[in-house]
Amino acid sequence: ADAADAADAADAAASAPAASTRLQTSCSSLQAKLEQLVAFADTNNRAGFVNSFVPLDLSKEDKRAYFLELSTGPESETQWAHLVAEMAALALGKGVTKIEGDQITQAVFFFEHPTLVGCDREVAFTCVDGEWRAEG
């Protein structure tokens, strides 16, 4: 039974994402977009971030509502911190376990949230006319 337990533990360890996992996009324009978002985040430029992050077809009202949610909402500082941490992780490929899509028109990142232990996340980006944006 001990050998079987050890084998089970080894299987579990092999399937769990390693903390050192790094998987970056193969698309240079998407990588540049992620780095741009991180630069906005590093300077606390929430308006610049929102304008470069949200879907192109999002209404002006919805874009403004999202900006206000990240700026003045009751959970704004926490939401902003989590979003910033996620974008930094994606740009570095840190904790990313897989990327689905062709990475030319679409990419879906699967990753462990960098600050919320045990929180698996997925973030999708779509490229429209050369402009990468988050989906939905």
N, C-alpha and C. Protein backbone atom coordinates (compact mmCIF):
# COMPACT_ATOMS: atom_id res chain seq x y z
N ALA A 1 0.83 -1.21 0.00
CA ALA A 1 0.00 0.00 0.00
C ALA A 1 0.86 1.25 0.00
N ASP A 2 2.04 1.18 0.66
CA ASP A 2 2.91 2.35 0.70
C ASP A 2 3.39 2.74 -0.69
N ALA A 3 3.72 1.74 -1.50
CA ALA A 3 4.18 2.02 -2.87
C ALA A 3 3.06 2.65 -3.68
N ALA A 4 1.83 2.16 -3.49
CA ALA A 4 0.69 2.72 -4.21
C ALA A 4 0.44 4.16 -3.76
N ASP A 5 0.55 4.43 -2.46
CA ASP A 5 0.38 5.79 -1.95
C ASP A 5 1.45 6.72 -2.53
N ALA A 6 2.67 6.24 -2.60
CA ALA A 6 3.76 7.04 -3.14
C ALA A 6 3.52 7.34 -4.62
N ALA A 7 3.01 6.33 -5.35
CA ALA A 7 2.71 6.53 -6.77
C ALA A 7 1.58 7.54 -6.94
N ASP A 8 0.55 7.45 -6.08
CA ASP A 8 -0.55 8.42 -6.13
C ASP A 8 -0.03 9.83 -5.87
N ALA A 9 0.85 9.96 -4.88
CA ALA A 9 1.41 11.28 -4.54
C ALA A 9 2.23 11.81 -5.71
N ALA A 10 2.98 10.94 -6.35
CA ALA A 10 3.80 11.36 -7.50
C ALA A 10 2.90 11.81 -8.65
N ASP A 11 1.80 11.06 -8.88
CA ASP A 11 0.86 11.45 -9.94
C ASP A 11 0.24 12.81 -9.63
N ALA A 12 -0.15 13.02 -8.38
CA ALA A 12 -0.76 14.30 -7.98
C ALA A 12 0.23 15.43 -8.17
N ALA A 13 1.50 15.20 -7.80
CA ALA A 13 2.52 16.24 -7.94
C ALA A 13 2.76 16.56 -9.42
N ALA A 14 2.73 15.53 -10.26
CA ALA A 14 2.98 15.73 -11.69
C ALA A 14 1.85 16.52 -12.34
N SER A 15 0.61 16.33 -11.85
CA SER A 15 -0.51 17.02 -12.49
C SER A 15 -0.75 18.41 -11.92
N ALA A 16 -0.19 18.70 -10.75
CA ALA A 16 -0.36 20.03 -10.15
C ALA A 16 0.60 21.00 -10.83
N PRO A 17 0.13 22.23 -11.11
CA PRO A 17 1.05 23.18 -11.75
C PRO A 17 2.16 23.58 -10.77
N ALA A 18 3.37 23.55 -11.27
CA ALA A 18 4.50 23.93 -10.42
C ALA A 18 4.49 25.45 -10.24
N ALA A 19 4.88 25.89 -9.06
CA ALA A 19 4.92 27.33 -8.78
C ALA A 19 5.86 28.03 -9.76
N SER A 20 6.83 27.28 -10.28
CA SER A 20 7.81 27.89 -11.18
C SER A 20 7.39 27.82 -12.65
N THR A 21 6.18 27.33 -12.90
CA THR A 21 5.69 27.21 -14.28
C THR A 21 5.71 28.58 -14.96
N ARG A 22 6.28 28.62 -16.16
CA ARG A 22 6.27 29.85 -16.95
C ARG A 22 5.93 29.49 -18.38
N LEU A 23 4.83 30.06 -18.86
CA LEU A 23 4.41 29.82 -20.22
C LEU A 23 3.90 31.14 -20.78
N GLN A 24 4.67 31.72 -21.71
CA GLN A 24 4.29 33.00 -22.31
C GLN A 24 3.70 32.78 -23.69
N THR A 25 2.95 33.77 -24.15
CA THR A 25 2.39 33.71 -25.48
C THR A 25 3.51 33.69 -26.52
N SER A 26 3.24 33.03 -27.63
CA SER A 26 4.19 33.00 -28.74
C SER A 26 3.96 34.18 -29.69
N CYS A 27 2.93 34.99 -29.39
CA CYS A 27 2.55 36.11 -30.27
C CYS A 27 3.18 37.41 -29.76
N SER A 28 4.03 38.01 -30.58
CA SER A 28 4.73 39.23 -30.14
C SER A 28 3.78 40.40 -29.91
N SER A 29 2.71 40.51 -30.71
CA SER A 29 1.79 41.64 -30.51
C SER A 29 0.96 41.46 -29.23
N LEU A 30 0.60 40.22 -28.89
CA LEU A 30 -0.12 39.99 -27.64
C LEU A 30 0.81 40.21 -26.45
N GLN A 31 2.05 39.77 -26.56
CA GLN A 31 3.03 40.01 -25.49
C GLN A 31 3.21 41.51 -25.28
N ALA A 32 3.28 42.26 -26.38
CA ALA A 32 3.42 43.72 -26.28
C ALA A 32 2.20 44.33 -25.59
N LYS A 33 0.99 43.82 -25.88
CA LYS A 33 -0.23 44.31 -25.24
C LYS A 33 -0.18 44.04 -23.74
N LEU A 34 0.22 42.84 -23.36
CA LEU A 34 0.32 42.50 -21.93
C LEU A 34 1.32 43.42 -21.22
N GLU A 35 2.44 43.67 -21.87
CA GLU A 35 3.45 44.55 -21.28
C GLU A 35 2.95 45.99 -21.19
N GLN A 36 2.15 46.42 -22.18
CA GLN A 36 1.54 47.76 -22.12
C GLN A 36 0.59 47.85 -20.94
N LEU A 37 -0.22 46.83 -20.74
CA LEU A 37 -1.16 46.82 -19.61
C LEU A 37 -0.41 46.86 -18.28
N VAL A 38 0.68 46.12 -18.19
CA VAL A 38 1.50 46.13 -16.97
C VAL A 38 2.10 47.52 -16.75
N ALA A 39 2.53 48.17 -17.82
CA ALA A 39 3.09 49.53 -17.70
C ALA A 39 2.03 50.50 -17.18
N PHE A 40 0.80 50.40 -17.69
CA PHE A 40 -0.29 51.24 -17.17
C PHE A 40 -0.51 50.94 -15.69
N ALA A 41 -0.49 49.67 -15.34
CA ALA A 41 -0.71 49.26 -13.95
C ALA A 41 0.40 49.79 -13.05
N ASP A 42 1.65 49.70 -13.53
CA ASP A 42 2.80 50.14 -12.72
C ASP A 42 2.73 51.62 -12.39
N THR A 43 2.09 52.40 -13.26
CA THR A 43 1.97 53.84 -13.01
C THR A 43 0.59 54.20 -12.47
N ASN A 44 -0.19 53.17 -12.12
CA ASN A 44 -1.54 53.35 -11.58
C ASN A 44 -2.43 54.13 -12.53
N ASN A 45 -2.19 53.97 -13.83
CA ASN A 45 -2.98 54.64 -14.86
C ASN A 45 -4.18 53.78 -15.19
N ARG A 46 -5.22 53.90 -14.37
CA ARG A 46 -6.40 53.05 -14.52
C ARG A 46 -7.18 53.38 -15.79
N ALA A 47 -7.24 54.65 -16.15
CA ALA A 47 -7.96 55.03 -17.38
C ALA A 47 -7.25 54.44 -18.60
N GLY A 48 -5.94 54.57 -18.66
CA GLY A 48 -5.18 54.00 -19.77
C GLY A 48 -5.33 52.50 -19.84
N PHE A 49 -5.30 51.87 -18.67
CA PHE A 49 -5.46 50.42 -18.60
C PHE A 49 -6.82 50.01 -19.16
N VAL A 50 -7.88 50.63 -18.65
CA VAL A 50 -9.24 50.27 -19.08
C VAL A 50 -9.39 50.50 -20.58
N ASN A 51 -8.92 51.63 -21.08
CA ASN A 51 -9.05 51.94 -22.51
C ASN A 51 -8.30 50.95 -23.40
N SER A 52 -7.26 50.33 -22.89
CA SER A 52 -6.48 49.36 -23.67
C SER A 52 -6.88 47.92 -23.41
N PHE A 53 -7.72 47.69 -22.41
CA PHE A 53 -8.04 46.34 -21.96
C PHE A 53 -9.41 45.86 -22.41
N VAL A 54 -10.42 46.71 -22.29
CA VAL A 54 -11.80 46.28 -22.52
C VAL A 54 -12.06 46.01 -24.00
N PRO A 55 -13.07 45.18 -24.29
CA PRO A 55 -13.41 44.90 -25.69
C PRO A 55 -13.69 46.19 -26.48
N LEU A 56 -13.31 46.19 -27.75
CA LEU A 56 -13.50 47.37 -28.59
C LEU A 56 -14.97 47.74 -28.75
N ASP A 57 -15.86 46.73 -28.69
CA ASP A 57 -17.28 47.00 -28.88
C ASP A 57 -18.03 47.32 -27.58
N LEU A 58 -17.29 47.48 -26.49
CA LEU A 58 -17.94 47.84 -25.22
C LEU A 58 -18.44 49.28 -25.31
N SER A 59 -19.66 49.50 -24.85
CA SER A 59 -20.23 50.84 -24.93
C SER A 59 -19.44 51.82 -24.06
N LYS A 60 -19.52 53.08 -24.41
CA LYS A 60 -18.86 54.13 -23.64
C LYS A 60 -19.34 54.10 -22.18
N GLU A 61 -20.63 53.87 -21.99
CA GLU A 61 -21.21 53.83 -20.63
C GLU A 61 -20.64 52.65 -19.84
N ASP A 62 -20.55 51.49 -20.49
CA ASP A 62 -20.02 50.31 -19.79
C ASP A 62 -18.53 50.47 -19.48
N LYS A 63 -17.80 51.09 -20.41
CA LYS A 63 -16.38 51.33 -20.18
C LYS A 63 -16.19 52.27 -18.99
N ARG A 64 -17.01 53.32 -18.94
CA ARG A 64 -16.93 54.27 -17.82
C ARG A 64 -17.31 53.59 -16.51
N ALA A 65 -18.34 52.75 -16.54
CA ALA A 65 -18.76 52.03 -15.34
C ALA A 65 -17.64 51.12 -14.83
N TYR A 66 -16.94 50.45 -15.74
CA TYR A 66 -15.84 49.57 -15.36
C TYR A 66 -14.70 50.40 -14.75
N PHE A 67 -14.38 51.52 -15.39
CA PHE A 67 -13.34 52.41 -14.85
C PHE A 67 -13.71 52.86 -13.43
N LEU A 68 -14.94 53.28 -13.24
CA LEU A 68 -15.37 53.74 -11.91
C LEU A 68 -15.34 52.61 -10.89
N GLU A 69 -15.71 51.41 -11.33
CA GLU A 69 -15.65 50.25 -10.45
C GLU A 69 -14.22 50.00 -9.97
N LEU A 70 -13.25 50.19 -10.87
CA LEU A 70 -11.84 49.98 -10.53
C LEU A 70 -11.23 51.17 -9.80
N SER A 71 -11.90 52.31 -9.82
CA SER A 71 -11.33 53.52 -9.25
C SER A 71 -11.98 53.95 -7.94
N THR A 72 -13.31 53.87 -7.89
CA THR A 72 -14.00 54.42 -6.73
C THR A 72 -14.97 53.44 -6.07
N GLY A 73 -15.12 52.26 -6.65
CA GLY A 73 -16.04 51.28 -6.08
C GLY A 73 -15.58 50.82 -4.71
N PRO A 74 -16.50 50.21 -3.94
CA PRO A 74 -16.17 49.79 -2.58
C PRO A 74 -15.02 48.77 -2.52
N GLU A 75 -14.88 47.98 -3.56
CA GLU A 75 -13.80 46.98 -3.61
C GLU A 75 -12.73 47.37 -4.63
N SER A 76 -12.68 48.64 -5.02
CA SER A 76 -11.83 49.05 -6.14
C SER A 76 -10.35 48.73 -5.92
N GLU A 77 -9.83 49.00 -4.73
CA GLU A 77 -8.39 48.77 -4.51
C GLU A 77 -8.06 47.28 -4.59
N THR A 78 -8.92 46.45 -4.02
CA THR A 78 -8.70 45.01 -4.07
C THR A 78 -8.83 44.50 -5.50
N GLN A 79 -9.88 44.93 -6.20
CA GLN A 79 -10.08 44.51 -7.60
C GLN A 79 -8.90 44.93 -8.46
N TRP A 80 -8.45 46.16 -8.30
CA TRP A 80 -7.34 46.69 -9.08
C TRP A 80 -6.08 45.87 -8.80
N ALA A 81 -5.81 45.61 -7.53
CA ALA A 81 -4.61 44.84 -7.15
C ALA A 81 -4.64 43.44 -7.77
N HIS A 82 -5.81 42.79 -7.75
CA HIS A 82 -5.91 41.46 -8.35
C HIS A 82 -5.71 41.51 -9.86
N LEU A 83 -6.31 42.50 -10.51
CA LEU A 83 -6.19 42.64 -11.96
C LEU A 83 -4.74 42.92 -12.36
N VAL A 84 -4.09 43.80 -11.63
CA VAL A 84 -2.69 44.12 -11.89
C VAL A 84 -1.82 42.87 -11.73
N ALA A 85 -2.06 42.11 -10.66
CA ALA A 85 -1.28 40.89 -10.42
C ALA A 85 -1.50 39.88 -11.54
N GLU A 86 -2.75 39.76 -12.01
CA GLU A 86 -3.04 38.83 -13.10
C GLU A 86 -2.31 39.22 -14.38
N MET A 87 -2.37 40.49 -14.74
CA MET A 87 -1.71 40.93 -15.99
C MET A 87 -0.20 40.75 -15.91
N ALA A 88 0.37 41.03 -14.74
CA ALA A 88 1.81 40.83 -14.57
C ALA A 88 2.16 39.35 -14.72
N ALA A 89 1.34 38.48 -14.13
CA ALA A 89 1.58 37.03 -14.25
C ALA A 89 1.50 36.58 -15.70
N LEU A 90 0.49 37.07 -16.44
CA LEU A 90 0.35 36.68 -17.85
C LEU A 90 1.53 37.18 -18.68
N ALA A 91 1.96 38.42 -18.42
CA ALA A 91 3.08 38.97 -19.18
C ALA A 91 4.36 38.16 -18.95
N LEU A 92 4.54 37.71 -17.71
CA LEU A 92 5.73 36.91 -17.37
C LEU A 92 5.53 35.43 -17.66
N GLY A 93 4.27 35.04 -17.88
CA GLY A 93 3.97 33.63 -18.06
C GLY A 93 3.98 32.87 -16.75
N LYS A 94 3.97 33.58 -15.64
CA LYS A 94 4.12 32.96 -14.31
C LYS A 94 2.83 32.26 -13.89
N GLY A 95 2.94 30.95 -13.64
CA GLY A 95 1.79 30.17 -13.21
C GLY A 95 0.84 29.80 -14.33
N VAL A 96 1.16 30.22 -15.57
CA VAL A 96 0.30 29.87 -16.71
C VAL A 96 0.51 28.40 -17.04
N THR A 97 -0.59 27.64 -17.04
CA THR A 97 -0.48 26.20 -17.28
C THR A 97 -0.74 25.85 -18.74
N LYS A 98 -1.57 26.65 -19.42
CA LYS A 98 -1.77 26.43 -20.85
C LYS A 98 -2.36 27.68 -21.48
N ILE A 99 -2.17 27.76 -22.79
CA ILE A 99 -2.76 28.83 -23.59
C ILE A 99 -3.46 28.16 -24.75
N GLU A 100 -4.78 28.37 -24.82
CA GLU A 100 -5.55 27.81 -25.92
C GLU A 100 -5.79 28.88 -26.97
N GLY A 101 -6.18 28.46 -28.15
CA GLY A 101 -6.41 29.39 -29.25
C GLY A 101 -5.18 29.45 -30.14
N ASP A 102 -5.33 30.09 -31.28
CA ASP A 102 -4.22 30.15 -32.25
C ASP A 102 -3.18 31.21 -31.90
N GLN A 103 -3.46 32.07 -30.94
CA GLN A 103 -2.59 33.17 -30.52
C GLN A 103 -2.31 34.13 -31.68
N ILE A 104 -3.19 34.11 -32.66
CA ILE A 104 -3.14 35.06 -33.77
C ILE A 104 -4.40 35.91 -33.72
N THR A 105 -5.54 35.24 -33.51
CA THR A 105 -6.81 35.95 -33.37
C THR A 105 -7.42 35.77 -31.99
N GLN A 106 -6.99 34.73 -31.28
CA GLN A 106 -7.54 34.47 -29.95
C GLN A 106 -6.52 33.73 -29.09
N ALA A 107 -6.54 34.05 -27.80
CA ALA A 107 -5.70 33.34 -26.84
C ALA A 107 -6.44 33.30 -25.51
N VAL A 108 -6.50 32.11 -24.92
CA VAL A 108 -7.12 31.94 -23.61
C VAL A 108 -6.04 31.42 -22.67
N PHE A 109 -5.71 32.23 -21.67
CA PHE A 109 -4.69 31.86 -20.69
C PHE A 109 -5.36 31.15 -19.52
N PHE A 110 -4.81 30.02 -19.13
CA PHE A 110 -5.25 29.30 -17.93
C PHE A 110 -4.10 29.40 -16.93
N PHE A 111 -4.42 29.86 -15.72
CA PHE A 111 -3.36 30.10 -14.75
C PHE A 111 -3.90 30.10 -13.33
N GLU A 112 -2.98 29.92 -12.39
CA GLU A 112 -3.33 30.05 -10.99
C GLU A 112 -3.18 31.51 -10.63
N HIS A 113 -4.21 32.07 -9.98
CA HIS A 113 -4.15 33.48 -9.60
C HIS A 113 -2.92 33.73 -8.75
N PRO A 114 -2.16 34.77 -9.05
CA PRO A 114 -0.89 34.99 -8.34
C PRO A 114 -1.04 35.37 -6.86
N THR A 115 -2.19 35.87 -6.45
CA THR A 115 -2.33 36.28 -5.05
C THR A 115 -3.44 35.55 -4.30
N LEU A 116 -4.29 34.82 -5.02
CA LEU A 116 -5.38 34.06 -4.38
C LEU A 116 -5.07 32.58 -4.49
N VAL A 117 -4.58 31.99 -3.42
CA VAL A 117 -4.15 30.60 -3.42
C VAL A 117 -5.32 29.68 -3.77
N GLY A 118 -5.07 28.77 -4.69
CA GLY A 118 -6.09 27.80 -5.08
C GLY A 118 -7.15 28.34 -6.01
N CYS A 119 -6.96 29.56 -6.51
CA CYS A 119 -7.94 30.17 -7.41
C CYS A 119 -7.45 30.05 -8.85
N ASP A 120 -8.04 29.12 -9.58
CA ASP A 120 -7.69 28.94 -10.99
C ASP A 120 -8.47 29.94 -11.82
N ARG A 121 -7.78 30.58 -12.75
CA ARG A 121 -8.39 31.63 -13.56
C ARG A 121 -8.19 31.33 -15.03
N GLU A 122 -9.04 31.94 -15.84
CA GLU A 122 -8.80 31.95 -17.28
C GLU A 122 -9.19 33.33 -17.78
N VAL A 123 -8.34 33.84 -18.66
CA VAL A 123 -8.58 35.15 -19.26
C VAL A 123 -8.40 34.99 -20.77
N ALA A 124 -9.40 35.48 -21.50
CA ALA A 124 -9.38 35.35 -22.96
C ALA A 124 -9.12 36.71 -23.60
N PHE A 125 -8.30 36.70 -24.63
CA PHE A 125 -8.03 37.89 -25.43
C PHE A 125 -8.37 37.58 -26.88
N THR A 126 -8.89 38.58 -27.57
CA THR A 126 -9.22 38.47 -28.99
C THR A 126 -8.53 39.60 -29.73
N CYS A 127 -8.04 39.30 -30.92
CA CYS A 127 -7.40 40.31 -31.74
C CYS A 127 -8.35 40.71 -32.87
N VAL A 128 -8.69 42.00 -32.91
CA VAL A 128 -9.56 42.55 -33.94
C VAL A 128 -8.79 43.67 -34.64
N ASP A 129 -8.58 43.52 -35.93
CA ASP A 129 -7.84 44.52 -36.71
C ASP A 129 -6.51 44.89 -36.06
N GLY A 130 -5.80 43.87 -35.59
CA GLY A 130 -4.48 44.09 -35.01
C GLY A 130 -4.47 44.57 -33.57
N GLU A 131 -5.64 44.71 -32.96
CA GLU A 131 -5.73 45.22 -31.58
C GLU A 131 -6.21 44.12 -30.64
N TRP A 132 -5.35 43.73 -29.69
CA TRP A 132 -5.69 42.70 -28.71
C TRP A 132 -6.52 43.33 -27.58
N ARG A 133 -7.62 42.66 -27.23
CA ARG A 133 -8.47 43.11 -26.13
C ARG A 133 -8.96 41.92 -25.34
N ALA A 134 -9.29 42.15 -24.07
CA ALA A 134 -9.90 41.11 -23.27
C ALA A 134 -11.29 40.82 -23.80
N GLU A 135 -11.73 39.59 -23.65
CA GLU A 135 -13.09 39.22 -24.04
C GLU A 135 -14.01 39.39 -22.86
N GLY A 136 -15.26 39.80 -23.17
CA GLY A 136 -16.33 39.86 -22.20
C GLY A 136 -15.92 40.33 -20.89
